Each structure stands twice: as C-alpha cells, then as structure tokens.
C-alpha cells in the first residue's frame, strides 16, 4: 500500500541520513606507539636517483628514519655494523654481488637488522633465494609508498612481508 511504501521510504531516508552524517570514531594508535622511536633504515641501491627519491619518500612517514645509504653491497657491509639499522632495504641488482647473495653477510655483521629486499626482480628463484638466505621479506619496486612504509614496520616487528603478486 501507499502508506506502507511511504513509511518504508521514511525509514530508509532516516537510516541513510544517519549513515551519511554520522561521525565514526577514529582509530587511535596505542600510547606506546606514539612514544616509540622510529624504525631506522639503511637504504642500499646502486641507482642514486632512485635511492635519493626513496629516502625523500620515506622521510614523509612518521615512524621511519633513514640513518644511512649505500650504493653497493660492500659499502652496506661496512655501514651496517656501525649504524645498526632495524631494517636494511636491499636492491637485488647491485654491482659486484647480487643482493640475495649479500643477505647472509649483512645478517652476520648486523645480526639484529632485518633485511627487506626491494627490487624489480619478479623471478621466483630470486624470491626463494632471498628468503632462504634470511631476508625478512621481498617487495617489488612498484609498491605504493604507504604500503612500503607499512611493510617496513611489519618487517621491523619480525613479520614476513612479500609482494602479494609473487605469492601465486
């Protein structure tokens, strides 16, 4: 009937209005997260422009602090024990030695650092070698900045992180 239809329409309008005008509670970080020091990073990539751009991007995110950068694995091996970063972002294609082959050395000189591969290589063999050699994760350079920041935090906590497209 017309009366029931009108009543149903009124209920819908009230519910719709409530859903579109209500203020939802904002999730807040625990107090410990607000006072915890930032995750420290060593960025290792042989392409200076990419490395500097990545550092500039990461500096926009609270909770991340780049403490050093290296253009090759040898330089990273010298810096890591001095800087003791929580996370080492490591490219795979480096001059002299592949990143996947540098992981074990980095873990030896800086045992508390988590190595997180950040590369263009979608090769399943590279992924398997990286994880077998002790990498905390393997991400593609096509990743969004916000997702990268989240992945870095997860890796720092010891959680494994792998680009989803590589899991299939």
Protein backbone atom coordinates (compact mmCIF):
# COMPACT_ATOMS: atom_id res chain seq x y z
CA UNK A 1 0.00 0.00 0.00
CA UNK A 2 0.92 3.61 -0.43
CA UNK A 3 1.06 4.22 3.36
CA UNK A 4 3.46 1.26 3.92
CA UNK A 5 5.62 2.41 1.00
CA UNK A 6 5.79 5.93 2.41
CA UNK A 7 6.68 4.60 5.88
CA UNK A 8 9.42 2.37 4.40
CA UNK A 9 10.74 5.33 2.44
CA UNK A 10 10.89 7.44 5.61
CA UNK A 11 12.81 4.72 7.47
CA UNK A 12 15.26 4.42 4.57
CA UNK A 13 15.76 8.21 4.49
CA UNK A 14 16.45 8.32 8.26
CA UNK A 15 18.91 5.41 8.07
CA UNK A 16 20.63 6.85 5.01
CA UNK A 17 20.88 10.27 6.68
CA UNK A 18 22.30 8.70 9.83
CA UNK A 19 24.87 6.73 7.82
CA UNK A 20 25.99 9.73 5.77
CA UNK A 21 26.11 12.29 8.57
CA UNK A 22 27.33 10.20 11.49
CA UNK A 23 30.81 10.75 12.77
CA UNK A 24 32.61 7.48 13.09
CA UNK A 25 35.15 7.04 15.84
CA UNK A 26 38.73 7.47 14.68
CA UNK A 27 41.09 4.61 15.46
CA UNK A 28 43.95 5.82 17.56
CA UNK A 29 47.35 4.28 18.00
CA UNK A 30 48.20 2.87 21.39
CA UNK A 31 50.15 5.28 23.60
CA UNK A 32 53.25 3.08 23.31
CA UNK A 33 53.23 3.52 19.51
CA UNK A 34 53.17 7.29 19.87
CA UNK A 35 56.26 7.34 22.04
CA UNK A 36 58.26 4.55 20.40
CA UNK A 37 61.35 5.59 18.45
CA UNK A 38 61.20 5.45 14.66
CA UNK A 39 62.25 2.39 12.70
CA UNK A 40 65.80 3.03 11.49
CA UNK A 41 66.72 2.18 7.90
CA UNK A 42 69.75 1.62 5.71
CA UNK A 43 68.85 2.01 2.01
CA UNK A 44 71.01 0.01 -0.41
CA UNK A 45 70.57 0.64 -4.15
CA UNK A 46 73.11 1.39 -6.86
CA UNK A 47 70.85 3.87 -8.68
CA UNK A 48 71.50 7.19 -6.94
CA UNK A 49 68.38 8.89 -8.26
CA UNK A 50 66.13 6.04 -7.12
CA UNK A 51 67.90 5.77 -3.74
CA UNK A 52 67.61 9.52 -3.04
CA UNK A 53 63.99 9.58 -4.20
CA UNK A 54 63.19 6.64 -1.94
CA UNK A 55 64.86 8.36 1.00
CA UNK A 56 62.84 11.53 0.31
CA UNK A 57 59.65 9.46 0.13
CA UNK A 58 60.38 7.59 3.37
CA UNK A 59 61.15 10.85 5.19
CA UNK A 60 57.49 11.82 4.74
CA UNK A 61 56.35 8.99 7.00
CA UNK A 62 56.41 9.39 10.74
CA UNK A 63 57.95 6.43 12.44
CA UNK A 64 60.67 5.90 9.81
CA UNK A 65 64.21 7.29 9.91
CA UNK A 66 66.85 6.67 7.23
CA UNK A 67 70.18 6.53 9.04
CA UNK A 68 72.34 5.63 6.04
CA UNK A 69 72.56 4.80 2.38
CA UNK A 70 74.86 2.65 0.28
CA UNK A 71 75.39 2.22 -3.45
CA UNK A 72 76.63 -1.37 -3.27
CA UNK A 73 76.83 -4.41 -1.01
CA UNK A 74 80.43 -3.73 0.08
CA UNK A 75 79.50 -0.27 1.34
CA UNK A 76 76.41 -1.70 3.07
CA UNK A 77 78.58 -4.33 4.78
CA UNK A 78 80.80 -1.52 6.15
CA UNK A 79 77.91 0.70 7.27
CA UNK A 80 75.51 -1.85 8.77
CA UNK A 81 77.57 -2.72 11.88
CA UNK A 82 78.20 0.96 12.60
CA UNK A 83 74.62 2.15 12.06
CA UNK A 84 72.82 -0.97 13.33
CA UNK A 85 69.60 -0.18 11.42
CA UNK A 86 66.47 -2.08 12.30
CA UNK A 87 65.75 -2.64 8.61
CA UNK A 88 68.05 -2.80 5.60
CA UNK A 89 66.22 -2.10 2.32
CA UNK A 90 68.28 -4.01 -0.22
CA UNK A 91 68.11 -3.99 -4.02
CA UNK A 92 68.90 -7.27 -5.75
CA UNK A 93 70.78 -5.98 -8.79
CA UNK A 94 73.92 -4.41 -7.33
CA UNK A 95 77.38 -4.04 -8.83
CA UNK A 96 79.78 -6.77 -7.78
CA UNK A 97 77.36 -9.03 -5.95
CA UNK A 98 73.66 -9.76 -6.15
CA UNK A 99 71.60 -8.53 -3.22
CA UNK A 100 70.33 -12.05 -2.46
CA UNK A 101 73.96 -13.14 -2.08
CA UNK A 102 74.74 -10.24 0.29
CA UNK A 103 71.96 -11.06 2.77
CA UNK A 104 73.92 -13.58 4.85
CA UNK A 105 76.89 -11.22 5.17
CA UNK A 106 74.64 -8.36 6.25
CA UNK A 107 72.95 -10.60 8.82
CA UNK A 108 76.39 -11.61 10.16
CA UNK A 109 77.71 -8.05 10.56
CA UNK A 110 74.40 -6.68 11.85
CA UNK A 111 72.50 -9.62 13.37
CA UNK A 112 69.63 -7.55 14.76
CA UNK A 113 68.88 -5.92 11.39
CA UNK A 114 66.04 -7.26 9.25
CA UNK A 115 66.84 -7.40 5.54
CA UNK A 116 63.97 -6.42 3.28
CA UNK A 117 64.51 -6.86 -0.44
CA UNK A 118 63.18 -4.03 -2.62
CA UNK A 119 63.71 -4.96 -6.25
CA UNK A 120 62.35 -5.12 -9.78
CA UNK A 121 63.02 -8.86 -9.99
CA UNK A 122 59.84 -10.93 -10.13
CA UNK A 123 61.91 -14.11 -10.50
CA UNK A 124 60.62 -16.86 -8.21
CA UNK A 125 64.18 -18.15 -7.80
CA UNK A 126 65.36 -14.75 -6.50
CA UNK A 127 62.44 -14.69 -4.06
CA UNK A 128 63.22 -18.21 -2.82
CA UNK A 129 66.95 -17.48 -2.51
CA UNK A 130 66.31 -14.24 -0.61
CA UNK A 131 64.04 -15.91 1.92
CA UNK A 132 66.33 -18.92 2.26
CA UNK A 133 69.31 -16.58 2.89
CA UNK A 134 67.46 -14.83 5.71
CA UNK A 135 65.55 -11.92 4.19
CA UNK A 136 62.54 -10.80 6.21
CA UNK A 137 60.69 -10.03 3.03
CA UNK A 138 60.70 -9.39 -0.68
CA UNK A 139 58.95 -6.42 -2.25
CA UNK A 140 58.73 -5.12 -5.79
CA UNK A 141 59.69 -1.54 -6.56
CA UNK A 142 56.22 -0.99 -7.99
CA UNK A 143 54.85 -0.87 -4.42
CA UNK A 144 52.93 2.20 -3.24
CA UNK A 145 54.75 4.41 -0.72
CA UNK A 146 52.17 3.92 2.04
CA UNK A 147 52.26 0.15 1.59
CA UNK A 148 56.06 0.22 1.67
CA UNK A 149 56.02 2.15 4.95
CA UNK A 150 53.60 -0.39 6.41
CA UNK A 151 55.75 -3.28 5.16
CA UNK A 152 58.85 -1.76 6.74
CA UNK A 153 57.10 -1.52 10.10
CA UNK A 154 55.93 -5.13 9.78
CA UNK A 155 59.42 -6.32 8.88
CA UNK A 156 60.88 -4.42 11.84
CA UNK A 157 58.48 -6.36 14.09
CA UNK A 158 59.73 -9.63 12.59
CA UNK A 159 56.73 -10.28 10.37
CA UNK A 160 57.41 -11.71 6.91
CA UNK A 161 56.39 -9.46 4.01
CA UNK A 162 56.16 -10.44 0.34
CA UNK A 163 54.56 -8.57 -2.54
CA UNK A 164 51.16 -10.27 -2.98
CA UNK A 165 51.56 -10.74 -6.76
CA UNK A 166 54.56 -13.02 -6.09
CA UNK A 167 52.59 -15.44 -3.94
CA UNK A 168 50.69 -17.02 -6.82
